[in-house]
Every structure is written in structure tokens, then in C-alpha cells.
Amino acid sequence: FGIVIYEKNNLENVISDAVTLYENGESLDTI
């Protein structure tokens, strides 16, 4: 259960970074 919560948090951070890259004008392929 702890591993699942930890990995879910990591995925949330990664997708947040991807959204930030998209909002800064990066292309979808670069993201």
C-alpha cells in the first residue's frame, strides 16, 4: 500500500511537470 501511494505521488509530480512544460510552449513530442 505504501509503494502504491508513493508511486501515485510520483506520477502526479511527473504529470504536473508535463503540464508545466506544455503551458511554457513545449511541443507534445518534446514532452
Full PDB file with SEQRES, HELIX, SHEET, SSBOND, CRYST1, ORIGX, SCALE, CONECT and MASTER records, all heavy atoms in Angstrom:
SEQRES   1 A   31  PHE GLY ILE VAL ILE TYR GLU LYS ASN ASN LEU GLU ASN          
SEQRES   2 A   31  VAL ILE SER ASP ALA VAL THR LEU TYR GLU ASN GLY GLU          
SEQRES   3 A   31  SER LEU ASP THR ILE                                          
HELIX    1 AA1 GLY A    2  GLU A   23  1                                  22    
CRYST1    1.000    1.000    1.000  90.00  90.00  90.00 P 1           1          
ORIGX1      1.000000  0.000000  0.000000        0.00000                         
ORIGX2      0.000000  1.000000  0.000000        0.00000                         
ORIGX3      0.000000  0.000000  1.000000        0.00000                         
SCALE1      1.000000  0.000000  0.000000        0.00000                         
SCALE2      0.000000  1.000000  0.000000        0.00000                         
SCALE3      0.000000  0.000000  1.000000        0.00000                         
ATOM      1  N   PHE A   1       0.829  -1.200   0.000  1.00  0.00           N  
ATOM      2  CA  PHE A   1       0.000   0.000   0.000  1.00  0.00           C  
ATOM      3  C   PHE A   1       0.866   1.253   0.000  1.00  0.00           C  
ATOM      4  O   PHE A   1       0.597   2.217  -0.725  1.00  0.00           O  
ATOM      5  CB  PHE A   1      -0.936  -0.020   1.219  1.00  0.00           C  
ATOM      6  CG  PHE A   1      -1.916   1.098   1.251  1.00  0.00           C  
ATOM      7  CD1 PHE A   1      -2.949   1.160   0.336  1.00  0.00           C  
ATOM      8  CD2 PHE A   1      -1.809   2.110   2.191  1.00  0.00           C  
ATOM      9  CE1 PHE A   1      -3.855   2.203   0.353  1.00  0.00           C  
ATOM     10  CE2 PHE A   1      -2.700   3.152   2.224  1.00  0.00           C  
ATOM     11  CZ  PHE A   1      -3.733   3.205   1.300  1.00  0.00           C  
ATOM     12  N   GLY A   2       1.937   1.248   0.779  1.00  0.00           N  
ATOM     13  CA  GLY A   2       2.864   2.381   0.800  1.00  0.00           C  
ATOM     14  C   GLY A   2       3.541   2.600  -0.539  1.00  0.00           C  
ATOM     15  O   GLY A   2       3.710   3.735  -0.982  1.00  0.00           O  
ATOM     16  N   ILE A   3       3.927   1.511  -1.206  1.00  0.00           N  
ATOM     17  CA  ILE A   3       4.559   1.619  -2.527  1.00  0.00           C  
ATOM     18  C   ILE A   3       3.581   2.206  -3.538  1.00  0.00           C  
ATOM     19  O   ILE A   3       3.948   3.068  -4.348  1.00  0.00           O  
ATOM     20  CB  ILE A   3       5.088   0.248  -2.987  1.00  0.00           C  
ATOM     21  CG1 ILE A   3       6.297  -0.166  -2.136  1.00  0.00           C  
ATOM     22  CG2 ILE A   3       5.462   0.268  -4.468  1.00  0.00           C  
ATOM     23  CD1 ILE A   3       6.749  -1.598  -2.357  1.00  0.00           C  
ATOM     24  N   VAL A   4       2.321   1.779  -3.488  1.00  0.00           N  
ATOM     25  CA  VAL A   4       1.317   2.304  -4.416  1.00  0.00           C  
ATOM     26  C   VAL A   4       1.101   3.796  -4.185  1.00  0.00           C  
ATOM     27  O   VAL A   4       1.055   4.584  -5.143  1.00  0.00           O  
ATOM     28  CB  VAL A   4      -0.011   1.518  -4.288  1.00  0.00           C  
ATOM     29  CG1 VAL A   4      -1.136   2.223  -5.005  1.00  0.00           C  
ATOM     30  CG2 VAL A   4       0.156   0.109  -4.823  1.00  0.00           C  
ATOM     31  N   ILE A   5       0.990   4.213  -2.936  1.00  0.00           N  
ATOM     32  CA  ILE A   5       0.815   5.643  -2.624  1.00  0.00           C  
ATOM     33  C   ILE A   5       2.028   6.448  -3.091  1.00  0.00           C  
ATOM     34  O   ILE A   5       1.891   7.529  -3.677  1.00  0.00           O  
ATOM     35  CB  ILE A   5       0.590   5.840  -1.109  1.00  0.00           C  
ATOM     36  CG1 ILE A   5      -0.702   5.165  -0.662  1.00  0.00           C  
ATOM     37  CG2 ILE A   5       0.597   7.312  -0.726  1.00  0.00           C  
ATOM     38  CD1 ILE A   5      -1.953   5.810  -1.147  1.00  0.00           C  
ATOM     39  N   TYR A   6       3.229   5.922  -2.848  1.00  0.00           N  
ATOM     40  CA  TYR A   6       4.465   6.596  -3.264  1.00  0.00           C  
ATOM     41  C   TYR A   6       4.521   6.758  -4.783  1.00  0.00           C  
ATOM     42  O   TYR A   6       4.831   7.845  -5.291  1.00  0.00           O  
ATOM     43  CB  TYR A   6       5.665   5.796  -2.752  1.00  0.00           C  
ATOM     44  CG  TYR A   6       6.999   6.318  -3.230  1.00  0.00           C  
ATOM     45  CD1 TYR A   6       7.564   7.443  -2.648  1.00  0.00           C  
ATOM     46  CD2 TYR A   6       7.680   5.687  -4.266  1.00  0.00           C  
ATOM     47  CE1 TYR A   6       8.789   7.932  -3.084  1.00  0.00           C  
ATOM     48  CE2 TYR A   6       8.899   6.166  -4.710  1.00  0.00           C  
ATOM     49  CZ  TYR A   6       9.441   7.285  -4.116  1.00  0.00           C  
ATOM     50  OH  TYR A   6      10.647   7.755  -4.567  1.00  0.00           O  
ATOM     51  N   GLU A   7       4.218   5.700  -5.511  1.00  0.00           N  
ATOM     52  CA  GLU A   7       4.271   5.767  -6.982  1.00  0.00           C  
ATOM     53  C   GLU A   7       3.173   6.667  -7.544  1.00  0.00           C  
ATOM     54  O   GLU A   7       3.383   7.355  -8.540  1.00  0.00           O  
ATOM     55  CB  GLU A   7       4.173   4.368  -7.589  1.00  0.00           C  
ATOM     56  CG  GLU A   7       5.391   3.513  -7.342  1.00  0.00           C  
ATOM     57  CD  GLU A   7       6.661   4.062  -7.979  1.00  0.00           C  
ATOM     58  OE1 GLU A   7       6.591   4.809  -8.975  1.00  0.00           O  
ATOM     59  OE2 GLU A   7       7.746   3.741  -7.467  1.00  0.00           O  
ATOM     60  N   LYS A   8       1.997   6.673  -6.922  1.00  0.00           N  
ATOM     61  CA  LYS A   8       0.928   7.571  -7.362  1.00  0.00           C  
ATOM     62  C   LYS A   8       1.370   9.024  -7.194  1.00  0.00           C  
ATOM     63  O   LYS A   8       1.132   9.866  -8.065  1.00  0.00           O  
ATOM     64  CB  LYS A   8      -0.341   7.295  -6.550  1.00  0.00           C  
ATOM     65  CG  LYS A   8      -1.492   8.226  -6.834  1.00  0.00           C  
ATOM     66  CD  LYS A   8      -2.106   7.991  -8.169  1.00  0.00           C  
ATOM     67  CE  LYS A   8      -3.360   8.838  -8.311  1.00  0.00           C  
ATOM     68  NZ  LYS A   8      -3.939   8.766  -9.622  1.00  0.00           N  
ATOM     69  N   ASN A   9       2.032   9.323  -6.091  1.00  0.00           N  
ATOM     70  CA  ASN A   9       2.554  10.670  -5.862  1.00  0.00           C  
ATOM     71  C   ASN A   9       3.603  11.034  -6.912  1.00  0.00           C  
ATOM     72  O   ASN A   9       3.617  12.155  -7.431  1.00  0.00           O  
ATOM     73  CB  ASN A   9       3.138  10.772  -4.452  1.00  0.00           C  
ATOM     74  CG  ASN A   9       3.517  12.183  -4.089  1.00  0.00           C  
ATOM     75  OD1 ASN A   9       2.868  13.136  -4.508  1.00  0.00           O  
ATOM     76  ND2 ASN A   9       4.569  12.323  -3.315  1.00  0.00           N  
ATOM     77  N   ASN A  10       4.482  10.083  -7.252  1.00  0.00           N  
ATOM     78  CA  ASN A  10       5.477  10.330  -8.297  1.00  0.00           C  
ATOM     79  C   ASN A  10       4.820  10.608  -9.643  1.00  0.00           C  
ATOM     80  O   ASN A  10       5.254  11.492 -10.389  1.00  0.00           O  
ATOM     81  CB  ASN A  10       6.433   9.145  -8.430  1.00  0.00           C  
ATOM     82  CG  ASN A  10       7.485   9.135  -7.352  1.00  0.00           C  
ATOM     83  OD1 ASN A  10       7.690  10.126  -6.663  1.00  0.00           O  
ATOM     84  ND2 ASN A  10       8.147   8.008  -7.201  1.00  0.00           N  
ATOM     85  N   LEU A  11       3.768   9.842  -9.981  1.00  0.00           N  
ATOM     86  CA  LEU A  11       3.069  10.076 -11.250  1.00  0.00           C  
ATOM     87  C   LEU A  11       2.407  11.451 -11.261  1.00  0.00           C  
ATOM     88  O   LEU A  11       2.389  12.123 -12.295  1.00  0.00           O  
ATOM     89  CB  LEU A  11       2.026   8.993 -11.500  1.00  0.00           C  
ATOM     90  CG  LEU A  11       2.546   7.618 -11.868  1.00  0.00           C  
ATOM     91  CD1 LEU A  11       1.383   6.684 -12.164  1.00  0.00           C  
ATOM     92  CD2 LEU A  11       3.479   7.669 -13.054  1.00  0.00           C  
ATOM     93  N   GLU A  12       1.845  11.860 -10.134  1.00  0.00           N  
ATOM     94  CA  GLU A  12       1.242  13.196 -10.052  1.00  0.00           C  
ATOM     95  C   GLU A  12       2.295  14.275 -10.292  1.00  0.00           C  
ATOM     96  O   GLU A  12       2.038  15.270 -10.976  1.00  0.00           O  
ATOM     97  CB  GLU A  12       0.568  13.398  -8.697  1.00  0.00           C  
ATOM     98  CG  GLU A  12      -0.669  12.574  -8.480  1.00  0.00           C  
ATOM     99  CD  GLU A  12      -1.853  13.019  -9.319  1.00  0.00           C  
ATOM    100  OE1 GLU A  12      -1.879  14.178  -9.787  1.00  0.00           O  
ATOM    101  OE2 GLU A  12      -2.752  12.194  -9.522  1.00  0.00           O  
ATOM    102  N   ASN A  13       3.493  14.083  -9.745  1.00  0.00           N  
ATOM    103  CA  ASN A  13       4.574  15.051  -9.957  1.00  0.00           C  
ATOM    104  C   ASN A  13       5.020  15.083 -11.414  1.00  0.00           C  
ATOM    105  O   ASN A  13       5.271  16.155 -11.973  1.00  0.00           O  
ATOM    106  CB  ASN A  13       5.762  14.734  -9.052  1.00  0.00           C  
ATOM    107  CG  ASN A  13       5.473  15.012  -7.601  1.00  0.00           C  
ATOM    108  OD1 ASN A  13       4.597  15.807  -7.272  1.00  0.00           O  
ATOM    109  ND2 ASN A  13       6.197  14.329  -6.730  1.00  0.00           N  
ATOM    110  N   VAL A  14       5.120  13.918 -12.038  1.00  0.00           N  
ATOM    111  CA  VAL A  14       5.550  13.850 -13.441  1.00  0.00           C  
ATOM    112  C   VAL A  14       4.525  14.526 -14.339  1.00  0.00           C  
ATOM    113  O   VAL A  14       4.881  15.301 -15.234  1.00  0.00           O  
ATOM    114  CB  VAL A  14       5.785  12.383 -13.864  1.00  0.00           C  
ATOM    115  CG1 VAL A  14       5.948  12.269 -15.372  1.00  0.00           C  
ATOM    116  CG2 VAL A  14       7.002  11.812 -13.168  1.00  0.00           C  
ATOM    117  N   ILE A  15       3.244  14.255 -14.127  1.00  0.00           N  
ATOM    118  CA  ILE A  15       2.233  14.861 -14.991  1.00  0.00           C  
ATOM    119  C   ILE A  15       2.121  16.365 -14.729  1.00  0.00           C  
ATOM    120  O   ILE A  15       1.838  17.145 -15.638  1.00  0.00           O  
ATOM    121  CB  ILE A  15       0.874  14.151 -14.882  1.00  0.00           C  
ATOM    122  CG1 ILE A  15       0.074  14.410 -16.154  1.00  0.00           C  
ATOM    123  CG2 ILE A  15       0.104  14.586 -13.674  1.00  0.00           C  
ATOM    124  CD1 ILE A  15      -1.001  13.434 -16.433  1.00  0.00           C  
ATOM    125  N   SER A  16       2.388  16.780 -13.510  1.00  0.00           N  
ATOM    126  CA  SER A  16       2.416  18.215 -13.219  1.00  0.00           C  
ATOM    127  C   SER A  16       3.560  18.891 -13.977  1.00  0.00           C  
ATOM    128  O   SER A  16       3.382  19.991 -14.525  1.00  0.00           O  
ATOM    129  CB  SER A  16       2.566  18.431 -11.715  1.00  0.00           C  
ATOM    130  OG  SER A  16       2.646  19.790 -11.423  1.00  0.00           O  
ATOM    131  N   ASP A  17       4.711  18.238 -14.025  1.00  0.00           N  
ATOM    132  CA  ASP A  17       5.842  18.761 -14.806  1.00  0.00           C  
ATOM    133  C   ASP A  17       5.496  18.820 -16.290  1.00  0.00           C  
ATOM    134  O   ASP A  17       5.856  19.772 -16.987  1.00  0.00           O  
ATOM    135  CB  ASP A  17       7.085  17.899 -14.609  1.00  0.00           C  
ATOM    136  CG  ASP A  17       7.655  17.999 -13.205  1.00  0.00           C  
ATOM    137  OD1 ASP A  17       7.287  18.957 -12.493  1.00  0.00           O  
ATOM    138  OD2 ASP A  17       8.460  17.116 -12.835  1.00  0.00           O  
ATOM    139  N   ALA A  18       4.788  17.797 -16.785  1.00  0.00           N  
ATOM    140  CA  ALA A  18       4.405  17.772 -18.200  1.00  0.00           C  
ATOM    141  C   ALA A  18       3.439  18.908 -18.529  1.00  0.00           C  
ATOM    142  O   ALA A  18       3.557  19.549 -19.573  1.00  0.00           O  
ATOM    143  CB  ALA A  18       3.769  16.420 -18.544  1.00  0.00           C  
ATOM    144  N   VAL A  19       2.504  19.168 -17.636  1.00  0.00           N  
ATOM    145  CA  VAL A  19       1.561  20.272 -17.853  1.00  0.00           C  
ATOM    146  C   VAL A  19       2.302  21.608 -17.847  1.00  0.00           C  
ATOM    147  O   VAL A  19       2.037  22.484 -18.675  1.00  0.00           O  
ATOM    148  CB  VAL A  19       0.446  20.246 -16.784  1.00  0.00           C  
ATOM    149  CG1 VAL A  19      -0.380  21.520 -16.822  1.00  0.00           C  
ATOM    150  CG2 VAL A  19      -0.437  19.034 -16.975  1.00  0.00           C  
ATOM    151  N   THR A  20       3.262  21.750 -16.946  1.00  0.00           N  
ATOM    152  CA  THR A  20       4.062  22.974 -16.902  1.00  0.00           C  
ATOM    153  C   THR A  20       4.842  23.164 -18.201  1.00  0.00           C  
ATOM    154  O   THR A  20       4.906  24.281 -18.744  1.00  0.00           O  
ATOM    155  CB  THR A  20       5.029  22.942 -15.711  1.00  0.00           C  
ATOM    156  OG1 THR A  20       4.278  22.778 -14.514  1.00  0.00           O  
ATOM    157  CG2 THR A  20       5.838  24.222 -15.622  1.00  0.00           C  
ATOM    158  N   LEU A  21       5.435  22.077 -18.708  1.00  0.00           N  
ATOM    159  CA  LEU A  21       6.152  22.158 -19.986  1.00  0.00           C  
ATOM    160  C   LEU A  21       5.205  22.574 -21.115  1.00  0.00           C  
ATOM    161  O   LEU A  21       5.560  23.401 -21.960  1.00  0.00           O  
ATOM    162  CB  LEU A  21       6.802  20.819 -20.321  1.00  0.00           C  
ATOM    163  CG  LEU A  21       8.036  20.434 -19.516  1.00  0.00           C  
ATOM    164  CD1 LEU A  21       8.446  19.005 -19.841  1.00  0.00           C  
ATOM    165  CD2 LEU A  21       9.177  21.388 -19.804  1.00  0.00           C  
ATOM    166  N   TYR A  22       3.990  22.001 -21.132  1.00  0.00           N  
ATOM    167  CA  TYR A  22       3.025  22.338 -22.173  1.00  0.00           C  
ATOM    168  C   TYR A  22       2.609  23.807 -22.080  1.00  0.00           C  
ATOM    169  O   TYR A  22       2.501  24.496 -23.091  1.00  0.00           O  
ATOM    170  CB  TYR A  22       1.796  21.428 -22.079  1.00  0.00           C  
ATOM    171  CG  TYR A  22       0.763  21.730 -23.118  1.00  0.00           C  
ATOM    172  CD1 TYR A  22       0.959  21.346 -24.438  1.00  0.00           C  
ATOM    173  CD2 TYR A  22      -0.394  22.425 -22.792  1.00  0.00           C  
ATOM    174  CE1 TYR A  22       0.017  21.644 -25.410  1.00  0.00           C  
ATOM    175  CE2 TYR A  22      -1.335  22.725 -23.749  1.00  0.00           C  
ATOM    176  CZ  TYR A  22      -1.131  22.330 -25.057  1.00  0.00           C  
ATOM    177  OH  TYR A  22      -2.058  22.625 -26.021  1.00  0.00           O  
ATOM    178  N   GLU A  23       2.395  24.270 -20.869  1.00  0.00           N  
ATOM    179  CA  GLU A  23       1.997  25.675 -20.688  1.00  0.00           C  
ATOM    180  C   GLU A  23       3.123  26.642 -21.049  1.00  0.00           C  
ATOM    181  O   GLU A  23       2.861  27.799 -21.371  1.00  0.00           O  
ATOM    182  CB  GLU A  23       1.542  25.905 -19.249  1.00  0.00           C  
ATOM    183  CG  GLU A  23       0.218  25.245 -18.950  1.00  0.00           C  
ATOM    184  CD  GLU A  23      -0.182  25.340 -17.496  1.00  0.00           C  
ATOM    185  OE1 GLU A  23       0.670  25.709 -16.654  1.00  0.00           O  
ATOM    186  OE2 GLU A  23      -1.348  25.043 -17.204  1.00  0.00           O  
ATOM    187  N   ASN A  24       4.373  26.163 -20.994  1.00  0.00           N  
ATOM    188  CA  ASN A  24       5.509  27.004 -21.384  1.00  0.00           C  
ATOM    189  C   ASN A  24       5.808  26.934 -22.875  1.00  0.00           C  
ATOM    190  O   ASN A  24       6.803  27.470 -23.332  1.00  0.00           O  
ATOM    191  CB  ASN A  24       6.754  26.622 -20.584  1.00  0.00           C  
ATOM    192  CG  ASN A  24       6.650  27.048 -19.141  1.00  0.00           C  
ATOM    193  OD1 ASN A  24       5.940  27.983 -18.815  1.00  0.00           O  
ATOM    194  ND2 ASN A  24       7.349  26.344 -18.267  1.00  0.00           N  
ATOM    195  N   GLY A  25       4.964  26.242 -23.641  1.00  0.00           N  
ATOM    196  CA  GLY A  25       5.081  26.250 -25.096  1.00  0.00           C  
ATOM    197  C   GLY A  25       5.863  25.099 -25.701  1.00  0.00           C  
ATOM    198  O   GLY A  25       6.157  25.135 -26.902  1.00  0.00           O  
ATOM    199  N   GLU A  26       6.195  24.070 -24.938  1.00  0.00           N  
ATOM    200  CA  GLU A  26       6.904  22.910 -25.499  1.00  0.00           C  
ATOM    201  C   GLU A  26       5.949  22.098 -26.370  1.00  0.00           C  
ATOM    202  O   GLU A  26       4.744  22.054 -26.132  1.00  0.00           O  
ATOM    203  CB  GLU A  26       7.453  22.015 -24.377  1.00  0.00           C  
ATOM    204  CG  GLU A  26       8.517  22.660 -23.534  1.00  0.00           C  
ATOM    205  CD  GLU A  26       9.823  22.861 -24.271  1.00  0.00           C  
ATOM    206  OE1 GLU A  26      10.107  22.119 -25.222  1.00  0.00           O  
ATOM    207  OE2 GLU A  26      10.562  23.784 -23.896  1.00  0.00           O  
ATOM    208  N   SER A  27       6.503  21.436 -27.373  1.00  0.00           N  
ATOM    209  CA  SER A  27       5.669  20.602 -28.237  1.00  0.00           C  
ATOM    210  C   SER A  27       5.318  19.299 -27.520  1.00  0.00           C  
ATOM    211  O   SER A  27       5.974  18.884 -26.571  1.00  0.00           O  
ATOM    212  CB  SER A  27       6.405  20.292 -29.545  1.00  0.00           C  
ATOM    213  OG  SER A  27       7.482  19.426 -29.295  1.00  0.00           O  
ATOM    214  N   LEU A  28       4.261  18.655 -28.012  1.00  0.00           N  
ATOM    215  CA  LEU A  28       3.806  17.409 -27.388  1.00  0.00           C  
ATOM    216  C   LEU A  28       4.850  16.309 -27.516  1.00  0.00           C  
ATOM    217  O   LEU A  28       5.016  15.491 -26.610  1.00  0.00           O  
ATOM    218  CB  LEU A  28       2.476  16.972 -27.997  1.00  0.00           C  
ATOM    219  CG  LEU A  28       1.299  17.929 -27.759  1.00  0.00           C  
ATOM    220  CD1 LEU A  28       0.038  17.395 -28.425  1.00  0.00           C  
ATOM    221  CD2 LEU A  28       1.061  18.164 -26.294  1.00  0.00           C  
ATOM    222  N   ASP A  29       5.566  16.262 -28.634  1.00  0.00           N  
ATOM    223  CA  ASP A  29       6.617  15.249 -28.815  1.00  0.00           C  
ATOM    224  C   ASP A  29       7.766  15.457 -27.828  1.00  0.00           C  
ATOM    225  O   ASP A  29       8.312  14.500 -27.280  1.00  0.00           O  
ATOM    226  CB  ASP A  29       7.154  15.277 -30.243  1.00  0.00           C  
ATOM    227  CG  ASP A  29       6.128  14.782 -31.246  1.00  0.00           C  
ATOM    228  OD1 ASP A  29       5.293  13.937 -30.856  1.00  0.00           O  
ATOM    229  OD2 ASP A  29       6.163  15.232 -32.407  1.00  0.00           O  
ATOM    230  N   THR A  30       8.145  16.700 -27.607  1.00  0.00           N  
ATOM    231  CA  THR A  30       9.210  17.000 -26.642  1.00  0.00           C  
ATOM    232  C   THR A  30       8.790  16.579 -25.241  1.00  0.00           C  
ATOM    233  O   THR A  30       9.584  15.991 -24.496  1.00  0.00           O  
ATOM    234  CB  THR A  30       9.536  18.506 -26.655  1.00  0.00           C  
ATOM    235  OG1 THR A  30       9.854  18.908 -27.980  1.00  0.00           O  
ATOM    236  CG2 THR A  30      10.688  18.821 -25.713  1.00  0.00           C  
ATOM    237  N   ILE A  31       7.550  16.861 -24.892  1.00  0.00           N  
ATOM    238  CA  ILE A  31       7.040  16.473 -23.576  1.00  0.00           C  
ATOM    239  C   ILE A  31       7.044  14.960 -23.425  1.00  0.00           C  
ATOM    240  O   ILE A  31       7.466  14.418 -22.411  1.00  0.00           O  
ATOM    241  CB  ILE A  31       5.624  17.047 -23.358  1.00  0.00           C  
ATOM    242  CG1 ILE A  31       5.671  18.575 -23.318  1.00  0.00           C  
ATOM    243  CG2 ILE A  31       4.997  16.491 -22.087  1.00  0.00           C  
ATOM    244  CD1 ILE A  31       4.323  19.228 -23.347  1.00  0.00           C  
TER     245      ILE A  31                                                      
MASTER        0    0    0    1    0    0    0    6  244    1    0    3          
END                                                                             
